[in-house]
Amino acid sequence: NLKGFIKIFLIILGFATGGASLLKI
């Protein structure tokens, strides 16, 4: 479960920053 949480943490970091840039583009 901790392993899954870390992966979700990484997913959020990527999609949050990259997703904002994608919309701005």
PDBML (XML) file of the C-alpha atoms, coordinates in Angstrom:
<?xml version="1.0" encoding="UTF-8" ?>
<PDBx:datablock datablockName="MODEL"
   xmlns:PDBx="http://pdbml.pdb.org/schema/pdbx-v50.xsd"
   xmlns:xsi="http://www.w3.org/2001/XMLSchema-instance"
   xsi:schemaLocation="http://pdbml.pdb.org/schema/pdbx-v50.xsd pdbx-v50.xsd">
   <PDBx:atom_siteCategory>
      <PDBx:atom_site id="1">
         <PDBx:B_iso_or_equiv>0.00</PDBx:B_iso_or_equiv>
         <PDBx:Cartn_x>0.000</PDBx:Cartn_x>
         <PDBx:Cartn_y>0.000</PDBx:Cartn_y>
         <PDBx:Cartn_z>0.000</PDBx:Cartn_z>
         <PDBx:auth_asym_id>A</PDBx:auth_asym_id>
         <PDBx:auth_atom_id>CA</PDBx:auth_atom_id>
         <PDBx:auth_comp_id>ASN</PDBx:auth_comp_id>
         <PDBx:auth_seq_id>1</PDBx:auth_seq_id>
         <PDBx:group_PDB>ATOM</PDBx:group_PDB>
         <PDBx:label_alt_id xsi:nil="true" />
         <PDBx:label_asym_id>A</PDBx:label_asym_id>
         <PDBx:label_atom_id>CA</PDBx:label_atom_id>
         <PDBx:label_comp_id>ASN</PDBx:label_comp_id>
         <PDBx:label_entity_id>1</PDBx:label_entity_id>
         <PDBx:label_seq_id>1</PDBx:label_seq_id>
         <PDBx:occupancy>1.00</PDBx:occupancy>
         <PDBx:pdbx_PDB_model_num>1</PDBx:pdbx_PDB_model_num>
         <PDBx:type_symbol>C</PDBx:type_symbol>
      </PDBx:atom_site>
      <PDBx:atom_site id="2">
         <PDBx:B_iso_or_equiv>0.00</PDBx:B_iso_or_equiv>
         <PDBx:Cartn_x>2.893</PDBx:Cartn_x>
         <PDBx:Cartn_y>2.350</PDBx:Cartn_y>
         <PDBx:Cartn_z>0.719</PDBx:Cartn_z>
         <PDBx:auth_asym_id>A</PDBx:auth_asym_id>
         <PDBx:auth_atom_id>CA</PDBx:auth_atom_id>
         <PDBx:auth_comp_id>LEU</PDBx:auth_comp_id>
         <PDBx:auth_seq_id>2</PDBx:auth_seq_id>
         <PDBx:group_PDB>ATOM</PDBx:group_PDB>
         <PDBx:label_alt_id xsi:nil="true" />
         <PDBx:label_asym_id>A</PDBx:label_asym_id>
         <PDBx:label_atom_id>CA</PDBx:label_atom_id>
         <PDBx:label_comp_id>LEU</PDBx:label_comp_id>
         <PDBx:label_entity_id>1</PDBx:label_entity_id>
         <PDBx:label_seq_id>2</PDBx:label_seq_id>
         <PDBx:occupancy>1.00</PDBx:occupancy>
         <PDBx:pdbx_PDB_model_num>1</PDBx:pdbx_PDB_model_num>
         <PDBx:type_symbol>C</PDBx:type_symbol>
      </PDBx:atom_site>
      <PDBx:atom_site id="3">
         <PDBx:B_iso_or_equiv>0.00</PDBx:B_iso_or_equiv>
         <PDBx:Cartn_x>4.375</PDBx:Cartn_x>
         <PDBx:Cartn_y>1.353</PDBx:Cartn_y>
         <PDBx:Cartn_z>-2.632</PDBx:Cartn_z>
         <PDBx:auth_asym_id>A</PDBx:auth_asym_id>
         <PDBx:auth_atom_id>CA</PDBx:auth_atom_id>
         <PDBx:auth_comp_id>LYS</PDBx:auth_comp_id>
         <PDBx:auth_seq_id>3</PDBx:auth_seq_id>
         <PDBx:group_PDB>ATOM</PDBx:group_PDB>
         <PDBx:label_alt_id xsi:nil="true" />
         <PDBx:label_asym_id>A</PDBx:label_asym_id>
         <PDBx:label_atom_id>CA</PDBx:label_atom_id>
         <PDBx:label_comp_id>LYS</PDBx:label_comp_id>
         <PDBx:label_entity_id>1</PDBx:label_entity_id>
         <PDBx:label_seq_id>3</PDBx:label_seq_id>
         <PDBx:occupancy>1.00</PDBx:occupancy>
         <PDBx:pdbx_PDB_model_num>1</PDBx:pdbx_PDB_model_num>
         <PDBx:type_symbol>C</PDBx:type_symbol>
      </PDBx:atom_site>
      <PDBx:atom_site id="4">
         <PDBx:B_iso_or_equiv>0.00</PDBx:B_iso_or_equiv>
         <PDBx:Cartn_x>1.093</PDBx:Cartn_x>
         <PDBx:Cartn_y>2.277</PDBx:Cartn_y>
         <PDBx:Cartn_z>-4.312</PDBx:Cartn_z>
         <PDBx:auth_asym_id>A</PDBx:auth_asym_id>
         <PDBx:auth_atom_id>CA</PDBx:auth_atom_id>
         <PDBx:auth_comp_id>GLY</PDBx:auth_comp_id>
         <PDBx:auth_seq_id>4</PDBx:auth_seq_id>
         <PDBx:group_PDB>ATOM</PDBx:group_PDB>
         <PDBx:label_alt_id xsi:nil="true" />
         <PDBx:label_asym_id>A</PDBx:label_asym_id>
         <PDBx:label_atom_id>CA</PDBx:label_atom_id>
         <PDBx:label_comp_id>GLY</PDBx:label_comp_id>
         <PDBx:label_entity_id>1</PDBx:label_entity_id>
         <PDBx:label_seq_id>4</PDBx:label_seq_id>
         <PDBx:occupancy>1.00</PDBx:occupancy>
         <PDBx:pdbx_PDB_model_num>1</PDBx:pdbx_PDB_model_num>
         <PDBx:type_symbol>C</PDBx:type_symbol>
      </PDBx:atom_site>
      <PDBx:atom_site id="5">
         <PDBx:B_iso_or_equiv>0.00</PDBx:B_iso_or_equiv>
         <PDBx:Cartn_x>0.925</PDBx:Cartn_x>
         <PDBx:Cartn_y>5.595</PDBx:Cartn_y>
         <PDBx:Cartn_z>-2.446</PDBx:Cartn_z>
         <PDBx:auth_asym_id>A</PDBx:auth_asym_id>
         <PDBx:auth_atom_id>CA</PDBx:auth_atom_id>
         <PDBx:auth_comp_id>PHE</PDBx:auth_comp_id>
         <PDBx:auth_seq_id>5</PDBx:auth_seq_id>
         <PDBx:group_PDB>ATOM</PDBx:group_PDB>
         <PDBx:label_alt_id xsi:nil="true" />
         <PDBx:label_asym_id>A</PDBx:label_asym_id>
         <PDBx:label_atom_id>CA</PDBx:label_atom_id>
         <PDBx:label_comp_id>PHE</PDBx:label_comp_id>
         <PDBx:label_entity_id>1</PDBx:label_entity_id>
         <PDBx:label_seq_id>5</PDBx:label_seq_id>
         <PDBx:occupancy>1.00</PDBx:occupancy>
         <PDBx:pdbx_PDB_model_num>1</PDBx:pdbx_PDB_model_num>
         <PDBx:type_symbol>C</PDBx:type_symbol>
      </PDBx:atom_site>
      <PDBx:atom_site id="6">
         <PDBx:B_iso_or_equiv>0.00</PDBx:B_iso_or_equiv>
         <PDBx:Cartn_x>4.441</PDBx:Cartn_x>
         <PDBx:Cartn_y>6.530</PDBx:Cartn_y>
         <PDBx:Cartn_z>-3.594</PDBx:Cartn_z>
         <PDBx:auth_asym_id>A</PDBx:auth_asym_id>
         <PDBx:auth_atom_id>CA</PDBx:auth_atom_id>
         <PDBx:auth_comp_id>ILE</PDBx:auth_comp_id>
         <PDBx:auth_seq_id>6</PDBx:auth_seq_id>
         <PDBx:group_PDB>ATOM</PDBx:group_PDB>
         <PDBx:label_alt_id xsi:nil="true" />
         <PDBx:label_asym_id>A</PDBx:label_asym_id>
         <PDBx:label_atom_id>CA</PDBx:label_atom_id>
         <PDBx:label_comp_id>ILE</PDBx:label_comp_id>
         <PDBx:label_entity_id>1</PDBx:label_entity_id>
         <PDBx:label_seq_id>6</PDBx:label_seq_id>
         <PDBx:occupancy>1.00</PDBx:occupancy>
         <PDBx:pdbx_PDB_model_num>1</PDBx:pdbx_PDB_model_num>
         <PDBx:type_symbol>C</PDBx:type_symbol>
      </PDBx:atom_site>
      <PDBx:atom_site id="7">
         <PDBx:B_iso_or_equiv>0.00</PDBx:B_iso_or_equiv>
         <PDBx:Cartn_x>3.481</PDBx:Cartn_x>
         <PDBx:Cartn_y>5.766</PDBx:Cartn_y>
         <PDBx:Cartn_z>-7.184</PDBx:Cartn_z>
         <PDBx:auth_asym_id>A</PDBx:auth_asym_id>
         <PDBx:auth_atom_id>CA</PDBx:auth_atom_id>
         <PDBx:auth_comp_id>LYS</PDBx:auth_comp_id>
         <PDBx:auth_seq_id>7</PDBx:auth_seq_id>
         <PDBx:group_PDB>ATOM</PDBx:group_PDB>
         <PDBx:label_alt_id xsi:nil="true" />
         <PDBx:label_asym_id>A</PDBx:label_asym_id>
         <PDBx:label_atom_id>CA</PDBx:label_atom_id>
         <PDBx:label_comp_id>LYS</PDBx:label_comp_id>
         <PDBx:label_entity_id>1</PDBx:label_entity_id>
         <PDBx:label_seq_id>7</PDBx:label_seq_id>
         <PDBx:occupancy>1.00</PDBx:occupancy>
         <PDBx:pdbx_PDB_model_num>1</PDBx:pdbx_PDB_model_num>
         <PDBx:type_symbol>C</PDBx:type_symbol>
      </PDBx:atom_site>
      <PDBx:atom_site id="8">
         <PDBx:B_iso_or_equiv>0.00</PDBx:B_iso_or_equiv>
         <PDBx:Cartn_x>0.342</PDBx:Cartn_x>
         <PDBx:Cartn_y>7.895</PDBx:Cartn_y>
         <PDBx:Cartn_z>-6.905</PDBx:Cartn_z>
         <PDBx:auth_asym_id>A</PDBx:auth_asym_id>
         <PDBx:auth_atom_id>CA</PDBx:auth_atom_id>
         <PDBx:auth_comp_id>ILE</PDBx:auth_comp_id>
         <PDBx:auth_seq_id>8</PDBx:auth_seq_id>
         <PDBx:group_PDB>ATOM</PDBx:group_PDB>
         <PDBx:label_alt_id xsi:nil="true" />
         <PDBx:label_asym_id>A</PDBx:label_asym_id>
         <PDBx:label_atom_id>CA</PDBx:label_atom_id>
         <PDBx:label_comp_id>ILE</PDBx:label_comp_id>
         <PDBx:label_entity_id>1</PDBx:label_entity_id>
         <PDBx:label_seq_id>8</PDBx:label_seq_id>
         <PDBx:occupancy>1.00</PDBx:occupancy>
         <PDBx:pdbx_PDB_model_num>1</PDBx:pdbx_PDB_model_num>
         <PDBx:type_symbol>C</PDBx:type_symbol>
      </PDBx:atom_site>
      <PDBx:atom_site id="9">
         <PDBx:B_iso_or_equiv>0.00</PDBx:B_iso_or_equiv>
         <PDBx:Cartn_x>2.452</PDBx:Cartn_x>
         <PDBx:Cartn_y>10.687</PDBx:Cartn_y>
         <PDBx:Cartn_z>-5.403</PDBx:Cartn_z>
         <PDBx:auth_asym_id>A</PDBx:auth_asym_id>
         <PDBx:auth_atom_id>CA</PDBx:auth_atom_id>
         <PDBx:auth_comp_id>PHE</PDBx:auth_comp_id>
         <PDBx:auth_seq_id>9</PDBx:auth_seq_id>
         <PDBx:group_PDB>ATOM</PDBx:group_PDB>
         <PDBx:label_alt_id xsi:nil="true" />
         <PDBx:label_asym_id>A</PDBx:label_asym_id>
         <PDBx:label_atom_id>CA</PDBx:label_atom_id>
         <PDBx:label_comp_id>PHE</PDBx:label_comp_id>
         <PDBx:label_entity_id>1</PDBx:label_entity_id>
         <PDBx:label_seq_id>9</PDBx:label_seq_id>
         <PDBx:occupancy>1.00</PDBx:occupancy>
         <PDBx:pdbx_PDB_model_num>1</PDBx:pdbx_PDB_model_num>
         <PDBx:type_symbol>C</PDBx:type_symbol>
      </PDBx:atom_site>
      <PDBx:atom_site id="10">
         <PDBx:B_iso_or_equiv>0.00</PDBx:B_iso_or_equiv>
         <PDBx:Cartn_x>4.738</PDBx:Cartn_x>
         <PDBx:Cartn_y>10.496</PDBx:Cartn_y>
         <PDBx:Cartn_z>-8.445</PDBx:Cartn_z>
         <PDBx:auth_asym_id>A</PDBx:auth_asym_id>
         <PDBx:auth_atom_id>CA</PDBx:auth_atom_id>
         <PDBx:auth_comp_id>LEU</PDBx:auth_comp_id>
         <PDBx:auth_seq_id>10</PDBx:auth_seq_id>
         <PDBx:group_PDB>ATOM</PDBx:group_PDB>
         <PDBx:label_alt_id xsi:nil="true" />
         <PDBx:label_asym_id>A</PDBx:label_asym_id>
         <PDBx:label_atom_id>CA</PDBx:label_atom_id>
         <PDBx:label_comp_id>LEU</PDBx:label_comp_id>
         <PDBx:label_entity_id>1</PDBx:label_entity_id>
         <PDBx:label_seq_id>10</PDBx:label_seq_id>
         <PDBx:occupancy>1.00</PDBx:occupancy>
         <PDBx:pdbx_PDB_model_num>1</PDBx:pdbx_PDB_model_num>
         <PDBx:type_symbol>C</PDBx:type_symbol>
      </PDBx:atom_site>
      <PDBx:atom_site id="11">
         <PDBx:B_iso_or_equiv>0.00</PDBx:B_iso_or_equiv>
         <PDBx:Cartn_x>1.761</PDBx:Cartn_x>
         <PDBx:Cartn_y>10.382</PDBx:Cartn_y>
         <PDBx:Cartn_z>-10.826</PDBx:Cartn_z>
         <PDBx:auth_asym_id>A</PDBx:auth_asym_id>
         <PDBx:auth_atom_id>CA</PDBx:auth_atom_id>
         <PDBx:auth_comp_id>ILE</PDBx:auth_comp_id>
         <PDBx:auth_seq_id>11</PDBx:auth_seq_id>
         <PDBx:group_PDB>ATOM</PDBx:group_PDB>
         <PDBx:label_alt_id xsi:nil="true" />
         <PDBx:label_asym_id>A</PDBx:label_asym_id>
         <PDBx:label_atom_id>CA</PDBx:label_atom_id>
         <PDBx:label_comp_id>ILE</PDBx:label_comp_id>
         <PDBx:label_entity_id>1</PDBx:label_entity_id>
         <PDBx:label_seq_id>11</PDBx:label_seq_id>
         <PDBx:occupancy>1.00</PDBx:occupancy>
         <PDBx:pdbx_PDB_model_num>1</PDBx:pdbx_PDB_model_num>
         <PDBx:type_symbol>C</PDBx:type_symbol>
      </PDBx:atom_site>
      <PDBx:atom_site id="12">
         <PDBx:B_iso_or_equiv>0.00</PDBx:B_iso_or_equiv>
         <PDBx:Cartn_x>0.273</PDBx:Cartn_x>
         <PDBx:Cartn_y>13.499</PDBx:Cartn_y>
         <PDBx:Cartn_z>-9.261</PDBx:Cartn_z>
         <PDBx:auth_asym_id>A</PDBx:auth_asym_id>
         <PDBx:auth_atom_id>CA</PDBx:auth_atom_id>
         <PDBx:auth_comp_id>ILE</PDBx:auth_comp_id>
         <PDBx:auth_seq_id>12</PDBx:auth_seq_id>
         <PDBx:group_PDB>ATOM</PDBx:group_PDB>
         <PDBx:label_alt_id xsi:nil="true" />
         <PDBx:label_asym_id>A</PDBx:label_asym_id>
         <PDBx:label_atom_id>CA</PDBx:label_atom_id>
         <PDBx:label_comp_id>ILE</PDBx:label_comp_id>
         <PDBx:label_entity_id>1</PDBx:label_entity_id>
         <PDBx:label_seq_id>12</PDBx:label_seq_id>
         <PDBx:occupancy>1.00</PDBx:occupancy>
         <PDBx:pdbx_PDB_model_num>1</PDBx:pdbx_PDB_model_num>
         <PDBx:type_symbol>C</PDBx:type_symbol>
      </PDBx:atom_site>
      <PDBx:atom_site id="13">
         <PDBx:B_iso_or_equiv>0.00</PDBx:B_iso_or_equiv>
         <PDBx:Cartn_x>3.568</PDBx:Cartn_x>
         <PDBx:Cartn_y>15.399</PDBx:Cartn_y>
         <PDBx:Cartn_z>-9.455</PDBx:Cartn_z>
         <PDBx:auth_asym_id>A</PDBx:auth_asym_id>
         <PDBx:auth_atom_id>CA</PDBx:auth_atom_id>
         <PDBx:auth_comp_id>LEU</PDBx:auth_comp_id>
         <PDBx:auth_seq_id>13</PDBx:auth_seq_id>
         <PDBx:group_PDB>ATOM</PDBx:group_PDB>
         <PDBx:label_alt_id xsi:nil="true" />
         <PDBx:label_asym_id>A</PDBx:label_asym_id>
         <PDBx:label_atom_id>CA</PDBx:label_atom_id>
         <PDBx:label_comp_id>LEU</PDBx:label_comp_id>
         <PDBx:label_entity_id>1</PDBx:label_entity_id>
         <PDBx:label_seq_id>13</PDBx:label_seq_id>
         <PDBx:occupancy>1.00</PDBx:occupancy>
         <PDBx:pdbx_PDB_model_num>1</PDBx:pdbx_PDB_model_num>
         <PDBx:type_symbol>C</PDBx:type_symbol>
      </PDBx:atom_site>
      <PDBx:atom_site id="14">
         <PDBx:B_iso_or_equiv>0.00</PDBx:B_iso_or_equiv>
         <PDBx:Cartn_x>3.953</PDBx:Cartn_x>
         <PDBx:Cartn_y>14.637</PDBx:Cartn_y>
         <PDBx:Cartn_z>-13.155</PDBx:Cartn_z>
         <PDBx:auth_asym_id>A</PDBx:auth_asym_id>
         <PDBx:auth_atom_id>CA</PDBx:auth_atom_id>
         <PDBx:auth_comp_id>GLY</PDBx:auth_comp_id>
         <PDBx:auth_seq_id>14</PDBx:auth_seq_id>
         <PDBx:group_PDB>ATOM</PDBx:group_PDB>
         <PDBx:label_alt_id xsi:nil="true" />
         <PDBx:label_asym_id>A</PDBx:label_asym_id>
         <PDBx:label_atom_id>CA</PDBx:label_atom_id>
         <PDBx:label_comp_id>GLY</PDBx:label_comp_id>
         <PDBx:label_entity_id>1</PDBx:label_entity_id>
         <PDBx:label_seq_id>14</PDBx:label_seq_id>
         <PDBx:occupancy>1.00</PDBx:occupancy>
         <PDBx:pdbx_PDB_model_num>1</PDBx:pdbx_PDB_model_num>
         <PDBx:type_symbol>C</PDBx:type_symbol>
      </PDBx:atom_site>
      <PDBx:atom_site id="15">
         <PDBx:B_iso_or_equiv>0.00</PDBx:B_iso_or_equiv>
         <PDBx:Cartn_x>0.388</PDBx:Cartn_x>
         <PDBx:Cartn_y>15.202</PDBx:Cartn_y>
         <PDBx:Cartn_z>-14.265</PDBx:Cartn_z>
         <PDBx:auth_asym_id>A</PDBx:auth_asym_id>
         <PDBx:auth_atom_id>CA</PDBx:auth_atom_id>
         <PDBx:auth_comp_id>PHE</PDBx:auth_comp_id>
         <PDBx:auth_seq_id>15</PDBx:auth_seq_id>
         <PDBx:group_PDB>ATOM</PDBx:group_PDB>
         <PDBx:label_alt_id xsi:nil="true" />
         <PDBx:label_asym_id>A</PDBx:label_asym_id>
         <PDBx:label_atom_id>CA</PDBx:label_atom_id>
         <PDBx:label_comp_id>PHE</PDBx:label_comp_id>
         <PDBx:label_entity_id>1</PDBx:label_entity_id>
         <PDBx:label_seq_id>15</PDBx:label_seq_id>
         <PDBx:occupancy>1.00</PDBx:occupancy>
         <PDBx:pdbx_PDB_model_num>1</PDBx:pdbx_PDB_model_num>
         <PDBx:type_symbol>C</PDBx:type_symbol>
      </PDBx:atom_site>
      <PDBx:atom_site id="16">
         <PDBx:B_iso_or_equiv>0.00</PDBx:B_iso_or_equiv>
         <PDBx:Cartn_x>-0.123</PDBx:Cartn_x>
         <PDBx:Cartn_y>18.304</PDBx:Cartn_y>
         <PDBx:Cartn_z>-12.099</PDBx:Cartn_z>
         <PDBx:auth_asym_id>A</PDBx:auth_asym_id>
         <PDBx:auth_atom_id>CA</PDBx:auth_atom_id>
         <PDBx:auth_comp_id>ALA</PDBx:auth_comp_id>
         <PDBx:auth_seq_id>16</PDBx:auth_seq_id>
         <PDBx:group_PDB>ATOM</PDBx:group_PDB>
         <PDBx:label_alt_id xsi:nil="true" />
         <PDBx:label_asym_id>A</PDBx:label_asym_id>
         <PDBx:label_atom_id>CA</PDBx:label_atom_id>
         <PDBx:label_comp_id>ALA</PDBx:label_comp_id>
         <PDBx:label_entity_id>1</PDBx:label_entity_id>
         <PDBx:label_seq_id>16</PDBx:label_seq_id>
         <PDBx:occupancy>1.00</PDBx:occupancy>
         <PDBx:pdbx_PDB_model_num>1</PDBx:pdbx_PDB_model_num>
         <PDBx:type_symbol>C</PDBx:type_symbol>
      </PDBx:atom_site>
      <PDBx:atom_site id="17">
         <PDBx:B_iso_or_equiv>0.00</PDBx:B_iso_or_equiv>
         <PDBx:Cartn_x>2.889</PDBx:Cartn_x>
         <PDBx:Cartn_y>20.201</PDBx:Cartn_y>
         <PDBx:Cartn_z>-13.437</PDBx:Cartn_z>
         <PDBx:auth_asym_id>A</PDBx:auth_asym_id>
         <PDBx:auth_atom_id>CA</PDBx:auth_atom_id>
         <PDBx:auth_comp_id>THR</PDBx:auth_comp_id>
         <PDBx:auth_seq_id>17</PDBx:auth_seq_id>
         <PDBx:group_PDB>ATOM</PDBx:group_PDB>
         <PDBx:label_alt_id xsi:nil="true" />
         <PDBx:label_asym_id>A</PDBx:label_asym_id>
         <PDBx:label_atom_id>CA</PDBx:label_atom_id>
         <PDBx:label_comp_id>THR</PDBx:label_comp_id>
         <PDBx:label_entity_id>1</PDBx:label_entity_id>
         <PDBx:label_seq_id>17</PDBx:label_seq_id>
         <PDBx:occupancy>1.00</PDBx:occupancy>
         <PDBx:pdbx_PDB_model_num>1</PDBx:pdbx_PDB_model_num>
         <PDBx:type_symbol>C</PDBx:type_symbol>
      </PDBx:atom_site>
      <PDBx:atom_site id="18">
         <PDBx:B_iso_or_equiv>0.00</PDBx:B_iso_or_equiv>
         <PDBx:Cartn_x>2.823</PDBx:Cartn_x>
         <PDBx:Cartn_y>18.773</PDBx:Cartn_y>
         <PDBx:Cartn_z>-16.964</PDBx:Cartn_z>
         <PDBx:auth_asym_id>A</PDBx:auth_asym_id>
         <PDBx:auth_atom_id>CA</PDBx:auth_atom_id>
         <PDBx:auth_comp_id>GLY</PDBx:auth_comp_id>
         <PDBx:auth_seq_id>18</PDBx:auth_seq_id>
         <PDBx:group_PDB>ATOM</PDBx:group_PDB>
         <PDBx:label_alt_id xsi:nil="true" />
         <PDBx:label_asym_id>A</PDBx:label_asym_id>
         <PDBx:label_atom_id>CA</PDBx:label_atom_id>
         <PDBx:label_comp_id>GLY</PDBx:label_comp_id>
         <PDBx:label_entity_id>1</PDBx:label_entity_id>
         <PDBx:label_seq_id>18</PDBx:label_seq_id>
         <PDBx:occupancy>1.00</PDBx:occupancy>
         <PDBx:pdbx_PDB_model_num>1</PDBx:pdbx_PDB_model_num>
         <PDBx:type_symbol>C</PDBx:type_symbol>
      </PDBx:atom_site>
      <PDBx:atom_site id="19">
         <PDBx:B_iso_or_equiv>0.00</PDBx:B_iso_or_equiv>
         <PDBx:Cartn_x>-0.954</PDBx:Cartn_x>
         <PDBx:Cartn_y>18.996</PDBx:Cartn_y>
         <PDBx:Cartn_z>-17.264</PDBx:Cartn_z>
         <PDBx:auth_asym_id>A</PDBx:auth_asym_id>
         <PDBx:auth_atom_id>CA</PDBx:auth_atom_id>
         <PDBx:auth_comp_id>GLY</PDBx:auth_comp_id>
         <PDBx:auth_seq_id>19</PDBx:auth_seq_id>
         <PDBx:group_PDB>ATOM</PDBx:group_PDB>
         <PDBx:label_alt_id xsi:nil="true" />
         <PDBx:label_asym_id>A</PDBx:label_asym_id>
         <PDBx:label_atom_id>CA</PDBx:label_atom_id>
         <PDBx:label_comp_id>GLY</PDBx:label_comp_id>
         <PDBx:label_entity_id>1</PDBx:label_entity_id>
         <PDBx:label_seq_id>19</PDBx:label_seq_id>
         <PDBx:occupancy>1.00</PDBx:occupancy>
         <PDBx:pdbx_PDB_model_num>1</PDBx:pdbx_PDB_model_num>
         <PDBx:type_symbol>C</PDBx:type_symbol>
      </PDBx:atom_site>
      <PDBx:atom_site id="20">
         <PDBx:B_iso_or_equiv>0.00</PDBx:B_iso_or_equiv>
         <PDBx:Cartn_x>-0.913</PDBx:Cartn_x>
         <PDBx:Cartn_y>22.699</PDBx:Cartn_y>
         <PDBx:Cartn_z>-16.415</PDBx:Cartn_z>
         <PDBx:auth_asym_id>A</PDBx:auth_asym_id>
         <PDBx:auth_atom_id>CA</PDBx:auth_atom_id>
         <PDBx:auth_comp_id>ALA</PDBx:auth_comp_id>
         <PDBx:auth_seq_id>20</PDBx:auth_seq_id>
         <PDBx:group_PDB>ATOM</PDBx:group_PDB>
         <PDBx:label_alt_id xsi:nil="true" />
         <PDBx:label_asym_id>A</PDBx:label_asym_id>
         <PDBx:label_atom_id>CA</PDBx:label_atom_id>
         <PDBx:label_comp_id>ALA</PDBx:label_comp_id>
         <PDBx:label_entity_id>1</PDBx:label_entity_id>
         <PDBx:label_seq_id>20</PDBx:label_seq_id>
         <PDBx:occupancy>1.00</PDBx:occupancy>
         <PDBx:pdbx_PDB_model_num>1</PDBx:pdbx_PDB_model_num>
         <PDBx:type_symbol>C</PDBx:type_symbol>
      </PDBx:atom_site>
      <PDBx:atom_site id="21">
         <PDBx:B_iso_or_equiv>0.00</PDBx:B_iso_or_equiv>
         <PDBx:Cartn_x>1.712</PDBx:Cartn_x>
         <PDBx:Cartn_y>23.290</PDBx:Cartn_y>
         <PDBx:Cartn_z>-19.102</PDBx:Cartn_z>
         <PDBx:auth_asym_id>A</PDBx:auth_asym_id>
         <PDBx:auth_atom_id>CA</PDBx:auth_atom_id>
         <PDBx:auth_comp_id>SER</PDBx:auth_comp_id>
         <PDBx:auth_seq_id>21</PDBx:auth_seq_id>
         <PDBx:group_PDB>ATOM</PDBx:group_PDB>
         <PDBx:label_alt_id xsi:nil="true" />
         <PDBx:label_asym_id>A</PDBx:label_asym_id>
         <PDBx:label_atom_id>CA</PDBx:label_atom_id>
         <PDBx:label_comp_id>SER</PDBx:label_comp_id>
         <PDBx:label_entity_id>1</PDBx:label_entity_id>
         <PDBx:label_seq_id>21</PDBx:label_seq_id>
         <PDBx:occupancy>1.00</PDBx:occupancy>
         <PDBx:pdbx_PDB_model_num>1</PDBx:pdbx_PDB_model_num>
         <PDBx:type_symbol>C</PDBx:type_symbol>
      </PDBx:atom_site>
      <PDBx:atom_site id="22">
         <PDBx:B_iso_or_equiv>0.00</PDBx:B_iso_or_equiv>
         <PDBx:Cartn_x>-0.301</PDBx:Cartn_x>
         <PDBx:Cartn_y>21.274</PDBx:Cartn_y>
         <PDBx:Cartn_z>-21.635</PDBx:Cartn_z>
         <PDBx:auth_asym_id>A</PDBx:auth_asym_id>
         <PDBx:auth_atom_id>CA</PDBx:auth_atom_id>
         <PDBx:auth_comp_id>LEU</PDBx:auth_comp_id>
         <PDBx:auth_seq_id>22</PDBx:auth_seq_id>
         <PDBx:group_PDB>ATOM</PDBx:group_PDB>
         <PDBx:label_alt_id xsi:nil="true" />
         <PDBx:label_asym_id>A</PDBx:label_asym_id>
         <PDBx:label_atom_id>CA</PDBx:label_atom_id>
         <PDBx:label_comp_id>LEU</PDBx:label_comp_id>
         <PDBx:label_entity_id>1</PDBx:label_entity_id>
         <PDBx:label_seq_id>22</PDBx:label_seq_id>
         <PDBx:occupancy>1.00</PDBx:occupancy>
         <PDBx:pdbx_PDB_model_num>1</PDBx:pdbx_PDB_model_num>
         <PDBx:type_symbol>C</PDBx:type_symbol>
      </PDBx:atom_site>
      <PDBx:atom_site id="23">
         <PDBx:B_iso_or_equiv>0.00</PDBx:B_iso_or_equiv>
         <PDBx:Cartn_x>-3.415</PDBx:Cartn_x>
         <PDBx:Cartn_y>23.378</PDBx:Cartn_y>
         <PDBx:Cartn_z>-21.040</PDBx:Cartn_z>
         <PDBx:auth_asym_id>A</PDBx:auth_asym_id>
         <PDBx:auth_atom_id>CA</PDBx:auth_atom_id>
         <PDBx:auth_comp_id>LEU</PDBx:auth_comp_id>
         <PDBx:auth_seq_id>23</PDBx:auth_seq_id>
         <PDBx:group_PDB>ATOM</PDBx:group_PDB>
         <PDBx:label_alt_id xsi:nil="true" />
         <PDBx:label_asym_id>A</PDBx:label_asym_id>
         <PDBx:label_atom_id>CA</PDBx:label_atom_id>
         <PDBx:label_comp_id>LEU</PDBx:label_comp_id>
         <PDBx:label_entity_id>1</PDBx:label_entity_id>
         <PDBx:label_seq_id>23</PDBx:label_seq_id>
         <PDBx:occupancy>1.00</PDBx:occupancy>
         <PDBx:pdbx_PDB_model_num>1</PDBx:pdbx_PDB_model_num>
         <PDBx:type_symbol>C</PDBx:type_symbol>
      </PDBx:atom_site>
      <PDBx:atom_site id="24">
         <PDBx:B_iso_or_equiv>0.00</PDBx:B_iso_or_equiv>
         <PDBx:Cartn_x>-1.396</PDBx:Cartn_x>
         <PDBx:Cartn_y>26.584</PDBx:Cartn_y>
         <PDBx:Cartn_z>-21.266</PDBx:Cartn_z>
         <PDBx:auth_asym_id>A</PDBx:auth_asym_id>
         <PDBx:auth_atom_id>CA</PDBx:auth_atom_id>
         <PDBx:auth_comp_id>LYS</PDBx:auth_comp_id>
         <PDBx:auth_seq_id>24</PDBx:auth_seq_id>
         <PDBx:group_PDB>ATOM</PDBx:group_PDB>
         <PDBx:label_alt_id xsi:nil="true" />
         <PDBx:label_asym_id>A</PDBx:label_asym_id>
         <PDBx:label_atom_id>CA</PDBx:label_atom_id>
         <PDBx:label_comp_id>LYS</PDBx:label_comp_id>
         <PDBx:label_entity_id>1</PDBx:label_entity_id>
         <PDBx:label_seq_id>24</PDBx:label_seq_id>
         <PDBx:occupancy>1.00</PDBx:occupancy>
         <PDBx:pdbx_PDB_model_num>1</PDBx:pdbx_PDB_model_num>
         <PDBx:type_symbol>C</PDBx:type_symbol>
      </PDBx:atom_site>
      <PDBx:atom_site id="25">
         <PDBx:B_iso_or_equiv>0.00</PDBx:B_iso_or_equiv>
         <PDBx:Cartn_x>-0.021</PDBx:Cartn_x>
         <PDBx:Cartn_y>25.436</PDBx:Cartn_y>
         <PDBx:Cartn_z>-24.612</PDBx:Cartn_z>
         <PDBx:auth_asym_id>A</PDBx:auth_asym_id>
         <PDBx:auth_atom_id>CA</PDBx:auth_atom_id>
         <PDBx:auth_comp_id>ILE</PDBx:auth_comp_id>
         <PDBx:auth_seq_id>25</PDBx:auth_seq_id>
         <PDBx:group_PDB>ATOM</PDBx:group_PDB>
         <PDBx:label_alt_id xsi:nil="true" />
         <PDBx:label_asym_id>A</PDBx:label_asym_id>
         <PDBx:label_atom_id>CA</PDBx:label_atom_id>
         <PDBx:label_comp_id>ILE</PDBx:label_comp_id>
         <PDBx:label_entity_id>1</PDBx:label_entity_id>
         <PDBx:label_seq_id>25</PDBx:label_seq_id>
         <PDBx:occupancy>1.00</PDBx:occupancy>
         <PDBx:pdbx_PDB_model_num>1</PDBx:pdbx_PDB_model_num>
         <PDBx:type_symbol>C</PDBx:type_symbol>
      </PDBx:atom_site>
   </PDBx:atom_siteCategory>
</PDBx:datablock>
